[in-house]
N, C-alpha and C. Protein backbone atom coordinates (compact mmCIF):
# COMPACT_ATOMS: atom_id res chain seq x y z
N MET A 1 0.65 -1.19 -0.17
CA MET A 1 0.00 0.11 0.12
C MET A 1 0.72 1.05 0.27
N THR A 2 0.30 2.23 -0.54
CA THR A 2 1.35 3.82 -0.48
C THR A 2 0.35 4.82 0.04
N TYR A 3 1.04 5.27 0.96
CA TYR A 3 0.45 6.55 1.40
C TYR A 3 0.71 7.85 0.89
N GLN A 4 -0.28 8.57 0.78
CA GLN A 4 -0.01 9.74 0.31
C GLN A 4 0.63 10.93 1.16
N SER A 5 0.12 10.89 2.28
CA SER A 5 0.89 11.38 3.35
C SER A 5 1.09 10.77 4.55
N PHE A 6 2.05 11.63 5.72
CA PHE A 6 2.53 11.15 6.53
C PHE A 6 1.09 10.97 7.81
N GLU A 7 0.31 11.44 7.70
CA GLU A 7 -0.91 11.23 8.53
C GLU A 7 -1.79 10.17 8.04
N ASP A 8 -1.42 9.60 7.35
CA ASP A 8 -2.04 8.39 6.87
C ASP A 8 -1.42 6.95 7.75
N LEU A 9 -0.25 6.95 7.45
CA LEU A 9 0.33 6.11 8.73
C LEU A 9 0.39 5.41 9.40
N PRO A 10 0.00 4.51 9.86
CA PRO A 10 -0.68 3.86 11.20
C PRO A 10 0.25 4.03 12.38
N VAL A 11 1.75 3.94 11.73
CA VAL A 11 2.63 4.27 12.87
C VAL A 11 2.78 5.42 13.30
N TRP A 12 2.34 6.06 12.51
CA TRP A 12 2.21 8.17 12.68
C TRP A 12 1.20 8.03 13.60
N GLN A 13 0.01 7.80 13.57
CA GLN A 13 -1.33 7.87 14.32
C GLN A 13 -1.08 7.37 15.71
N GLU A 14 -0.20 6.12 15.58
CA GLU A 14 0.01 5.59 17.14
C GLU A 14 1.20 6.70 17.46
N ALA A 15 1.71 7.29 16.90
CA ALA A 15 3.25 8.09 17.64
C ALA A 15 2.23 9.09 18.27
N ILE A 16 1.10 9.86 17.43
CA ILE A 16 0.63 11.02 17.99
C ILE A 16 -0.22 10.56 18.92
N ARG A 17 -0.24 9.38 19.35
CA ARG A 17 -1.45 9.00 20.05
C ARG A 17 -0.55 8.75 21.16
N LEU A 18 0.86 8.32 21.58
CA LEU A 18 2.02 8.31 22.40
C LEU A 18 2.19 9.72 22.92
N ALA A 19 2.19 10.91 22.26
CA ALA A 19 2.60 12.30 22.57
C ALA A 19 0.89 12.35 23.39
N GLU A 20 -0.01 11.94 23.04
CA GLU A 20 -1.24 12.59 23.66
C GLU A 20 -1.48 12.42 24.99
N LEU A 21 -0.88 10.53 25.01
CA LEU A 21 -0.83 9.86 26.08
C LEU A 21 -0.28 10.59 27.29
N CYS A 22 1.24 11.21 26.90
CA CYS A 22 1.95 11.76 27.61
C CYS A 22 2.12 13.17 28.18
N GLU A 23 1.15 13.51 27.18
CA GLU A 23 0.29 14.95 27.69
C GLU A 23 -0.56 14.78 28.79
N ASP A 24 -1.17 13.52 28.39
CA ASP A 24 -2.39 13.54 29.68
C ASP A 24 -1.63 13.38 30.86
N PHE A 25 -0.61 12.69 30.82
CA PHE A 25 0.20 11.69 32.22
C PHE A 25 0.41 13.14 32.71
N LEU A 26 1.56 13.93 32.12
CA LEU A 26 1.59 14.77 32.60
C LEU A 26 0.88 16.13 33.61
N GLU A 27 -0.38 15.86 32.89
CA GLU A 27 -1.10 16.85 33.73
C GLU A 27 -1.71 15.88 34.59
N GLU A 28 -1.88 14.83 34.43
CA GLU A 28 -2.55 14.04 35.83
C GLU A 28 -1.33 14.18 36.93
N ALA A 29 -0.01 13.84 36.57
CA ALA A 29 1.20 13.71 37.22
C ALA A 29 1.42 15.24 38.21
N GLY A 30 1.16 16.33 37.83
CA GLY A 30 1.17 17.50 37.97
C GLY A 30 2.68 17.45 38.25
N SER A 31 2.74 18.31 40.04
CA SER A 31 3.91 18.67 40.39
C SER A 31 4.82 17.54 41.11
N ALA A 32 4.00 16.02 40.70
CA ALA A 32 4.97 15.07 41.22
C ALA A 32 6.30 14.70 40.23
N VAL A 33 5.75 15.26 38.76
CA VAL A 33 6.99 15.18 37.83
C VAL A 33 7.78 16.54 37.61
N SER A 34 9.34 16.51 37.81
CA SER A 34 10.04 17.97 37.54
C SER A 34 9.86 18.61 36.61
N ARG A 35 9.69 19.61 36.27
CA ARG A 35 9.61 20.79 35.44
C ARG A 35 10.97 20.04 34.23
N GLY A 36 12.03 19.63 34.58
CA GLY A 36 13.44 19.17 33.65
C GLY A 36 12.74 17.74 32.89
N LYS A 37 11.96 16.99 33.92
CA LYS A 37 11.62 15.58 33.44
C LYS A 37 10.39 15.88 32.46
N THR A 38 9.44 16.39 32.96
CA THR A 38 8.18 17.34 31.73
C THR A 38 8.84 17.94 30.96
N ASP A 39 9.93 18.32 30.23
CA ASP A 39 10.25 18.87 29.25
C ASP A 39 10.91 17.86 28.32
N GLN A 40 11.46 17.09 29.06
CA GLN A 40 12.22 15.55 28.18
C GLN A 40 10.92 14.63 27.56
N LEU A 41 10.56 14.52 28.80
CA LEU A 41 9.31 13.62 27.92
C LEU A 41 8.39 14.73 26.87
N ASP A 42 7.75 15.48 27.11
CA ASP A 42 7.26 16.34 25.89
C ASP A 42 8.27 16.46 25.02
N ARG A 43 10.01 16.10 24.86
CA ARG A 43 10.51 16.27 23.49
C ARG A 43 10.18 14.89 22.89
N CYS A 44 10.30 14.00 23.72
CA CYS A 44 10.78 12.51 23.18
C CYS A 44 9.94 12.16 22.83
N SER A 45 8.44 12.50 23.47
CA SER A 45 7.24 11.74 22.80
C SER A 45 6.72 12.28 21.58
N LEU A 46 7.03 13.41 21.61
CA LEU A 46 6.55 14.48 19.91
C LEU A 46 7.45 14.14 19.22
N SER A 47 8.36 13.53 19.55
CA SER A 47 9.65 13.36 18.63
C SER A 47 9.40 12.15 17.50
N VAL A 48 8.56 11.50 18.08
CA VAL A 48 8.64 10.12 17.40
C VAL A 48 7.88 10.49 16.11
N SER A 49 6.56 11.22 16.45
CA SER A 49 5.45 11.23 14.82
C SER A 49 6.29 12.76 14.66
N ASN A 50 7.05 13.55 15.08
CA ASN A 50 7.81 14.72 14.27
C ASN A 50 8.87 14.05 13.08
N ASN A 51 9.47 12.66 13.64
CA ASN A 51 10.71 12.47 13.16
C ASN A 51 10.30 11.25 11.51
N ILE A 52 8.93 10.70 12.03
CA ILE A 52 8.37 9.96 11.20
C ILE A 52 7.91 10.78 9.84
N ALA A 53 6.91 12.48 10.45
CA ALA A 53 6.81 12.98 9.30
C ALA A 53 8.24 13.63 8.70
N GLU A 54 9.27 14.00 9.01
CA GLU A 54 10.08 14.66 8.31
C GLU A 54 10.72 13.66 7.33
N GLY A 55 10.90 12.26 8.02
CA GLY A 55 11.60 11.27 7.29
C GLY A 55 10.59 10.91 6.30
N PHE A 56 9.48 11.08 5.93
CA PHE A 56 8.40 10.70 5.34
C PHE A 56 8.29 11.77 4.20
N GLU A 57 8.43 13.36 4.36
CA GLU A 57 8.65 14.48 3.42
C GLU A 57 9.69 14.70 3.05
N ARG A 58 11.10 13.70 3.09
CA ARG A 58 12.64 13.83 2.85
C ARG A 58 12.17 12.83 1.26
N GLY A 59 13.39 13.11 0.42
CA GLY A 59 13.18 12.87 -1.05
C GLY A 59 13.69 11.74 -1.16
N THR A 60 14.58 10.50 0.12
CA THR A 60 15.44 9.77 -0.59
C THR A 60 14.92 8.58 0.63
N THR A 61 15.30 7.41 -0.06
CA THR A 61 14.51 6.24 1.72
C THR A 61 15.62 6.14 2.35
N LYS A 62 17.08 6.26 1.69
CA LYS A 62 18.16 6.42 3.04
C LYS A 62 17.89 8.17 4.09
N GLU A 63 17.39 8.85 3.83
CA GLU A 63 16.99 9.87 4.66
C GLU A 63 15.88 9.00 5.51
N LEU A 64 14.83 8.86 4.76
CA LEU A 64 13.76 8.35 5.25
C LEU A 64 14.47 6.89 6.58
N LEU A 65 15.18 6.33 5.88
CA LEU A 65 15.62 5.53 7.36
C LEU A 65 16.06 5.75 8.44
N ALA A 66 17.08 6.94 8.24
CA ALA A 66 17.60 7.79 9.27
C ALA A 66 16.53 8.48 10.23
N PHE A 67 15.50 9.09 9.83
CA PHE A 67 14.33 9.47 10.59
C PHE A 67 13.83 8.51 11.22
N LEU A 68 13.36 7.31 10.53
CA LEU A 68 12.88 6.16 11.21
C LEU A 68 13.32 5.98 12.67
N TYR A 69 14.92 5.94 12.53
CA TYR A 69 15.68 5.51 13.78
C TYR A 69 15.80 6.16 14.60
N ILE A 70 15.83 7.68 14.12
CA ILE A 70 15.62 8.69 15.31
C ILE A 70 14.66 8.63 15.99
N ALA A 71 13.14 8.53 15.19
CA ALA A 71 11.82 8.27 15.88
C ALA A 71 12.38 6.80 16.42
N ARG A 72 12.62 6.09 16.12
CA ARG A 72 12.37 4.88 17.06
C ARG A 72 13.29 5.06 18.18
N GLY A 73 14.27 5.41 18.67
CA GLY A 73 15.28 5.93 19.26
C GLY A 73 14.24 6.79 20.51
N SER A 74 13.87 8.05 19.97
CA SER A 74 12.75 8.46 20.82
C SER A 74 11.71 7.76 21.65
N ALA A 75 10.99 6.83 20.70
CA ALA A 75 10.02 5.63 21.10
C ALA A 75 10.53 5.27 22.35
N GLY A 76 11.85 4.64 22.10
CA GLY A 76 12.76 4.09 23.47
C GLY A 76 13.05 5.06 24.77
N GLU A 77 13.41 5.94 24.34
CA GLU A 77 13.60 7.16 25.52
C GLU A 77 12.48 7.30 26.38
N THR A 78 11.22 7.34 25.35
CA THR A 78 9.87 7.95 25.99
C THR A 78 9.52 6.31 26.96
N ARG A 79 9.86 5.21 26.55
CA ARG A 79 9.27 3.86 27.17
C ARG A 79 10.71 4.19 28.65
N SER A 80 11.57 4.41 28.20
CA SER A 80 12.56 4.52 29.51
C SER A 80 11.98 5.38 30.64
N MET A 81 11.58 6.28 29.96
CA MET A 81 11.09 7.47 31.09
C MET A 81 10.24 6.97 31.67
N MET A 82 9.09 6.07 31.22
CA MET A 82 8.00 5.53 31.70
C MET A 82 8.59 4.58 32.88
N ARG A 83 9.50 3.58 32.85
CA ARG A 83 10.20 2.48 33.44
C ARG A 83 10.80 3.51 34.89
N PHE A 84 10.89 4.73 34.37
CA PHE A 84 11.31 5.68 35.38
C PHE A 84 10.49 5.57 36.29
N PHE A 85 9.48 6.62 35.95
CA PHE A 85 8.29 6.90 36.68
C PHE A 85 7.49 5.96 37.16
N ALA A 86 7.31 4.73 36.85
CA ALA A 86 6.73 3.56 37.07
C ALA A 86 7.52 2.96 38.35
N ARG A 87 8.80 3.54 38.88
CA ARG A 87 9.59 3.27 40.07
C ARG A 87 9.46 4.69 40.96
N ARG A 88 8.77 5.40 40.71
CA ARG A 88 8.80 6.99 41.90
C ARG A 88 7.19 6.25 42.88
N PRO A 89 7.52 6.44 43.47
CA PRO A 89 6.21 6.43 45.21
C PRO A 89 5.30 7.22 44.41
N LYS A 90 5.94 8.67 44.32
CA LYS A 90 4.47 9.78 44.16
C LYS A 90 3.95 9.53 43.04
N LEU A 91 4.40 8.38 42.01
CA LEU A 91 3.55 8.28 40.89
C LEU A 91 2.90 7.03 40.48
N LYS A 92 2.38 6.71 42.18
CA LYS A 92 1.84 5.69 42.14
C LYS A 92 0.31 5.16 41.22
N LYS A 93 -0.57 6.65 41.83
CA LYS A 93 -1.47 6.74 41.25
C LYS A 93 -1.71 6.41 39.97
N CYS A 94 -0.65 6.71 38.95
CA CYS A 94 -0.41 7.16 37.54
C CYS A 94 0.06 5.59 37.07
N ALA A 95 0.34 4.73 37.85
CA ALA A 95 0.83 3.06 37.24
C ALA A 95 -0.12 2.84 36.12
N GLY A 96 -1.10 2.36 35.91
CA GLY A 96 -1.85 2.03 34.90
C GLY A 96 -1.85 3.05 33.42
N ARG A 97 -1.46 4.42 33.45
CA ARG A 97 -1.04 5.26 32.04
C ARG A 97 0.17 5.09 32.24
N ILE A 98 0.76 4.85 32.83
CA ILE A 98 2.49 4.64 32.96
C ILE A 98 2.57 3.57 32.08
N GLU A 99 1.93 2.44 32.63
CA GLU A 99 2.18 1.24 31.87
C GLU A 99 1.37 1.43 30.47
N GLN A 100 0.27 1.73 30.17
CA GLN A 100 -0.19 2.30 28.66
C GLN A 100 0.67 2.71 27.97
N ILE A 101 1.13 3.94 28.67
CA ILE A 101 2.46 4.77 27.37
C ILE A 101 3.60 3.77 27.20
N ALA A 102 4.05 3.09 27.90
CA ALA A 102 5.21 2.42 27.93
C ALA A 102 4.71 1.24 26.66
N LYS A 103 3.51 0.40 27.10
CA LYS A 103 3.11 0.13 25.69
C LYS A 103 2.87 -0.04 24.09
N VAL A 104 2.56 1.66 24.29
CA VAL A 104 2.07 2.36 23.03
C VAL A 104 3.83 2.73 22.22
N ALA A 105 4.36 3.04 23.24
CA ALA A 105 5.93 3.47 22.69
C ALA A 105 6.84 2.22 22.58
N GLU A 106 6.30 1.36 22.81
CA GLU A 106 6.77 0.00 22.52
C GLU A 106 6.47 -0.56 21.28
N SER A 107 4.96 -0.51 20.95
CA SER A 107 4.74 -0.66 19.78
C SER A 107 4.85 0.17 18.75
N CYS A 108 5.38 1.46 18.86
CA CYS A 108 5.96 2.38 17.90
C CYS A 108 7.21 1.55 17.39
N GLY A 109 7.89 1.64 18.76
CA GLY A 109 9.28 1.02 18.49
C GLY A 109 9.05 -0.27 17.47
N ARG A 110 8.24 -1.24 17.52
CA ARG A 110 8.42 -2.37 16.79
C ARG A 110 7.78 -1.98 15.20
N GLN A 111 6.86 -1.17 15.08
CA GLN A 111 6.39 -0.55 13.67
C GLN A 111 7.57 -0.15 13.21
N LEU A 112 8.48 0.90 13.60
CA LEU A 112 9.22 1.74 13.03
C LEU A 112 10.46 0.39 12.87
N ARG A 113 10.83 -0.05 13.31
CA ARG A 113 11.84 -1.28 13.11
C ARG A 113 11.55 -2.32 12.06
N ALA A 114 10.37 -2.44 12.08
CA ALA A 114 9.60 -3.47 10.29
C ALA A 114 9.60 -2.72 9.31
N TRP A 115 9.05 -1.20 9.63
CA TRP A 115 9.16 -0.42 8.29
C TRP A 115 10.57 -0.38 7.78
N ALA A 116 11.73 0.02 8.65
CA ALA A 116 13.25 0.23 8.08
C ALA A 116 13.66 -1.25 7.81
N ASP A 117 13.19 -2.28 8.52
CA ASP A 117 13.78 -3.59 7.63
C ASP A 117 12.97 -3.78 6.34
N SER A 118 12.04 -3.44 5.97
CA SER A 118 11.33 -3.62 4.80
C SER A 118 11.88 -2.22 3.63
N LEU A 119 12.06 -1.00 4.30
CA LEU A 119 13.01 -0.28 3.18
C LEU A 119 14.31 -0.69 3.07
N GLN A 120 14.63 -1.22 4.25
CA GLN A 120 16.43 -1.42 3.95
C GLN A 120 16.75 -2.71 2.95
N ASN A 121 15.66 -3.21 2.72
CA ASN A 121 15.71 -4.47 1.30
C ASN A 121 14.84 -4.25 0.36
N SER A 122 14.68 -2.95 0.14
CA SER A 122 13.91 -2.33 -0.94
C SER A 122 15.08 -2.13 -2.01
N ASP A 123 14.62 -1.69 -3.32
CA ASP A 123 15.82 -1.40 -4.15
C ASP A 123 15.11 0.24 -4.59
N ILE A 124 13.93 0.25 -4.35
CA ILE A 124 13.64 1.79 -4.20
C ILE A 124 14.36 3.11 -3.53
N GLU A 125 15.28 3.74 -4.35
CA GLU A 125 16.07 4.90 -3.58
C GLU A 125 15.15 6.27 -3.18
N GLY A 126 14.01 6.41 -3.68
CA GLY A 126 13.29 7.42 -3.28
C GLY A 126 12.53 8.12 -4.15
N GLN A 127 11.81 9.39 -4.01
CA GLN A 127 11.12 9.71 -4.92
C GLN A 127 12.01 10.82 -5.73
N ARG A 128 13.23 11.33 -4.94
CA ARG A 128 14.38 12.22 -5.47
C ARG A 128 15.38 11.70 -6.58
N HIS A 129 15.16 10.39 -6.65
CA HIS A 129 15.80 9.22 -7.61
C HIS A 129 14.99 9.10 -8.65
N LEU A 130 13.54 9.56 -8.30
CA LEU A 130 12.66 9.06 -9.74
C LEU A 130 13.00 9.65 -10.67
N ASN A 131 12.85 9.10 -12.01
CA ASN A 131 13.29 9.70 -13.25
C ASN A 131 12.41 8.87 -14.47
N ASP A 132 12.09 9.17 -15.60
CA ASP A 132 11.96 8.53 -16.49
C ASP A 132 12.28 6.82 -16.56
N LYS A 133 13.56 6.94 -16.58
CA LYS A 133 14.08 5.70 -16.87
C LYS A 133 13.61 4.65 -15.30
N THR A 134 14.18 5.60 -14.25
CA THR A 134 13.94 4.50 -13.11
C THR A 134 12.56 4.43 -13.00
N ARG A 135 11.59 5.14 -13.46
CA ARG A 135 10.10 4.87 -13.17
C ARG A 135 9.63 3.35 -14.28
N THR A 136 10.30 3.30 -15.48
CA THR A 136 10.16 2.57 -16.58
C THR A 136 10.91 1.18 -15.99
N GLU A 137 12.23 1.44 -15.20
CA GLU A 137 12.39 0.22 -14.95
C GLU A 137 11.49 -0.82 -13.73
N TYR A 138 11.15 0.31 -12.54
CA TYR A 138 10.46 -0.16 -11.61
C TYR A 138 8.81 -0.89 -12.19
N GLY A 139 8.53 -0.22 -13.13
CA GLY A 139 7.28 -0.42 -13.49
C GLY A 139 7.68 -1.86 -14.35
N LYS A 140 8.73 -1.94 -15.10
CA LYS A 140 8.76 -3.47 -15.58
C LYS A 140 9.10 -4.33 -14.36
N ARG A 141 9.73 -4.40 -13.73
CA ARG A 141 9.91 -5.36 -12.46
C ARG A 141 8.62 -5.69 -11.91
N LYS A 142 7.86 -4.66 -11.48
CA LYS A 142 6.31 -4.76 -10.42
C LYS A 142 5.59 -5.66 -11.90
N ALA A 143 5.68 -5.13 -12.84
CA ALA A 143 4.57 -6.00 -14.19
C ALA A 143 5.02 -7.78 -14.31
N ALA A 144 6.41 -7.69 -14.26
CA ALA A 144 6.97 -8.93 -14.08
C ALA A 144 6.37 -10.06 -13.21
N GLU A 145 6.73 -9.07 -11.96
CA GLU A 145 6.26 -9.95 -10.55
C GLU A 145 4.85 -10.45 -10.72
N GLU A 146 3.77 -9.65 -10.89
CA GLU A 146 2.54 -9.32 -11.16
C GLU A 146 2.52 -10.56 -12.57
N GLY A 147 2.97 -10.89 -13.47
CA GLY A 147 2.64 -11.62 -14.03
C GLY A 147 3.08 -13.00 -13.81
N ARG A 148 4.52 -13.13 -12.65
CA ARG A 148 4.73 -14.50 -12.31
C ARG A 148 3.99 -15.09 -11.52
N LYS A 149 3.24 -13.90 -11.03
CA LYS A 149 1.95 -14.49 -9.59
C LYS A 149 1.05 -14.96 -10.42
N ASN A 150 0.42 -14.11 -11.26
CA ASN A 150 -0.70 -14.47 -12.35
C ASN A 150 -0.65 -15.79 -12.42
N TYR A 151 0.77 -16.28 -13.09
CA TYR A 151 1.06 -17.80 -13.77
C TYR A 151 0.65 -18.67 -13.14
N GLU A 152 1.35 -18.34 -11.76
CA GLU A 152 1.66 -19.42 -10.47
C GLU A 152 0.07 -19.72 -10.11
N ASP A 153 -1.21 -18.48 -10.05
CA ASP A 153 -2.28 -18.71 -9.66
C ASP A 153 -2.84 -19.49 -10.62
N MET A 154 -2.62 -19.35 -11.99
CA MET A 154 -3.55 -20.24 -12.99
C MET A 154 -3.12 -21.81 -13.31
N GLU A 155 -1.50 -22.01 -12.59
CA GLU A 155 -0.97 -22.99 -12.56
C GLU A 155 -1.57 -23.84 -11.64
N ARG A 156 -1.73 -23.41 -10.35
CA ARG A 156 -2.27 -23.39 -9.23
C ARG A 156 -3.81 -24.32 -9.37
N GLU A 157 -4.41 -23.40 -9.85
CA GLU A 157 -6.04 -23.80 -10.09
C GLU A 157 -5.75 -24.84 -11.16
N ALA A 158 -5.45 -24.91 -12.17
CA ALA A 158 -5.25 -26.27 -13.37
C ALA A 158 -4.92 -27.53 -12.64
N ALA A 159 -3.92 -27.14 -11.77
CA ALA A 159 -3.48 -28.45 -11.04
C ALA A 159 -3.93 -28.79 -10.12
N LEU A 160 -4.99 -28.14 -9.05
CA LEU A 160 -6.12 -28.79 -8.28
C LEU A 160 -7.34 -29.42 -9.07
N LYS A 161 -7.42 -29.33 -10.86
CA LYS A 161 -8.64 -29.90 -11.38
C LYS A 161 -8.03 -31.04 -11.56
N LEU A 162 -6.89 -31.55 -11.33
CA LEU A 162 -6.10 -33.08 -11.87
C LEU A 162 -6.16 -33.85 -11.13
N PRO A 163 -6.57 -35.22 -10.89
CA PRO A 163 -6.72 -36.16 -10.28
C PRO A 163 -5.78 -36.37 -9.41
N ASP A 164 -5.61 -36.77 -8.28
CA ASP A 164 -4.49 -36.67 -7.41
C ASP A 164 -3.46 -38.06 -7.85
N GLY A 165 -2.14 -37.85 -8.00
CA GLY A 165 -1.25 -38.92 -8.22
C GLY A 165 -0.71 -38.64 -9.93
N HIS A 166 -1.53 -37.54 -10.16
CA HIS A 166 -1.13 -36.62 -11.42
C HIS A 166 0.17 -36.25 -11.24
N PRO A 167 1.19 -36.58 -12.74
CA PRO A 167 2.81 -36.54 -12.50
C PRO A 167 2.50 -34.90 -12.21
N TRP A 168 2.04 -33.83 -12.94
CA TRP A 168 2.17 -32.81 -13.01
C TRP A 168 1.76 -32.20 -11.52
N LYS A 169 0.87 -32.53 -10.87
CA LYS A 169 0.08 -31.81 -9.72
C LYS A 169 0.80 -32.60 -8.73
N GLU A 170 1.93 -33.55 -8.87
CA GLU A 170 2.67 -34.04 -7.97
C GLU A 170 3.81 -33.19 -7.41
N SER A 171 4.03 -33.22 -8.29
CA SER A 171 5.34 -32.09 -8.83
C SER A 171 5.34 -30.89 -8.38
N LEU A 172 4.25 -30.18 -8.25
CA LEU A 172 4.09 -29.19 -7.91
C LEU A 172 3.67 -29.09 -6.38
N ARG A 173 3.36 -30.32 -5.94
CA ARG A 173 3.49 -30.61 -4.38
C ARG A 173 4.58 -30.44 -3.90
N ARG A 174 5.38 -31.19 -4.56
CA ARG A 174 6.42 -31.40 -3.99
C ARG A 174 7.56 -29.98 -4.02
N LYS A 175 7.46 -29.19 -5.10
CA LYS A 175 7.97 -27.77 -5.17
C LYS A 175 7.34 -26.70 -3.78
N GLY A 176 6.57 -27.18 -3.38
CA GLY A 176 5.41 -26.92 -2.37
C GLY A 176 4.47 -25.68 -2.97
N ARG A 177 4.15 -26.09 -4.07
CA ARG A 177 3.13 -24.91 -4.67
C ARG A 177 2.20 -24.95 -4.68
N LEU A 178 1.75 -26.39 -4.09
CA LEU A 178 0.24 -26.57 -4.23
C LEU A 178 -0.23 -26.62 -2.49
C-alpha cells in the first residue's frame, strides 16, 4: 500500500497517540514530575511522530531510514522514562497510564523497526531519484512480478483440477506450490 501523506501512516497515528497520552500523564501527574523531566518527556514523545513526518517528507529512502531510526530512539527514550516513573512512589496513582504509555511506545518502536527493515531490503531509492528511466524499470519489474504471480495462480488452479497422483500435480506439490 502506498501512503500519500504521513498522517495516513498507522505508525504516525500511533506516535501521535503516544504524544497525547504523555501529555495527559503529565497533566495528571502535575508537580510529582519535575519541570526538567516534563520537558524531556514532552520532547521525546513528540519527537517520534515529528521524525516520522520529516522522514516521510524527505526525498530519499536513505533519509527516511535515518529519521525512522531517530523516531525509534525517541520511542525507546519515552519508554525508558515510563520505566523510571513507574518506580517513583509519588506516581503510584498513575501506574495504569504509565504502563499504557510504555506499551504504546514499544508498539511504535516495533512498527518503526519493521518499516525500516522493509525499506532496507527495497530497491527503491526514493522520490528524489525517480526519473523516466527508473520509473520505467520499476514498472517493468512490478509487471513481471505480477505476471509471475498470475501465472502461478493459474497453474495452481489448473493443477487442483487434476486427479491426485497426476505427475504434474505431484511435481507442484513437491515444490511447495500446491
